[in-house]
Structure formats: structure tokens, C-alpha cells
Amino acid sequence: MKDFRFVALGLCSFFIFVTLGCASDKPAPLMVLDPPANTATQVQTYLTEGNRLFREGRWEGARQQFQAAVQEQPDLAEAHYNLALAMDHMGDQAGAKPHFIKAANLAPGHKVIWDSPPLRRYGNVPDKPVEATSSPVLPGIGGGGSTGGPGGGF
């Protein structure tokens, strides 16, 4: 009976160790978004090249590609989001902020964009996007959010 308890205790300890050992407080790395189906051909090229450069850690080259994509197709949320990620990695939070917010306003149901920690850092983002019939939800880009009270606004 003692051996059984010893083995059971050992197995429980092992599973706890494995479970806790696999857990991490470190958030998953933020990844760039692939171009959606409705993307213009040239913009797909910019985003694909920018994504490659981003994954290689070549932030400036990626930023240039994403900037070209935004200029070519300014209503593409993924281009704004990727540009913001590259700028954020380069330490340009002031430049990244409007692109994170623009991406969120262009893609109200896009889970990756709306759940992005940098977006939450930059905007007054509700838990769910507001209905498309209302004004944008993020202050600084057309209003919608509170600017008064504790923690409100920027």
C-alpha cells in the first residue's frame, strides 16, 4: 500500500510539474496578418514581402513594405495592423498608435486585431466592437469613447 501511495504521489507531482513548467507568463509573440482575399495584387506583394521581413526581424524593411501597402489600399485593416506592429517593434509607439486604431475601426469583428495587447494599450477599446452603424469606438479617430473620468481618454 505504501508503494502505491508513493507511485501515485510521484505521478501527481510529475503532472503538476509538467503542467506548471509548460505555463508561461510571457505572452505569445504578435504575428503579422496575411492579406485577405479582397486585397489588390500589388498590395498582396507588399504584405507578403513585409511579412517575410517582419518574421526575419528586419523591422525597417517590413515597415516600408507595409507603408506602401497602406498607401496603395488605405482601407485594408491588415495593412494598418502590420504597419503598426512593425513601428511598435521599432519603438515608434506614437507612429504605431493611429494605425492600430485605424485597423480596429476598419475591422470591427477581427478577433486578432481587437484582442491585440498593443491596441488595448493605445485605445479605449471595449470588450466587443460596437455595431457598424455607430461612430468609431476609439477616441482620437472620430470619437466614440469617453474622454473624461478616471482612466478615460488618452
Foldseek 3Di string as FASTA:
>chain_A
DVVVVVVVVVVVVVVVCVVVVPDDPDDDDQAADQFDPPADPQLNVLQVVLRVCVVVVNLVSSLVSLVVSCVVPVLGLSSLQSNLVSCVSVVNNVVSLVSLQSSCLSCQQDPSSLVDPSPVVRFPRDPHGDDNVDFRCTPPPTDNWDQDDPPGDD
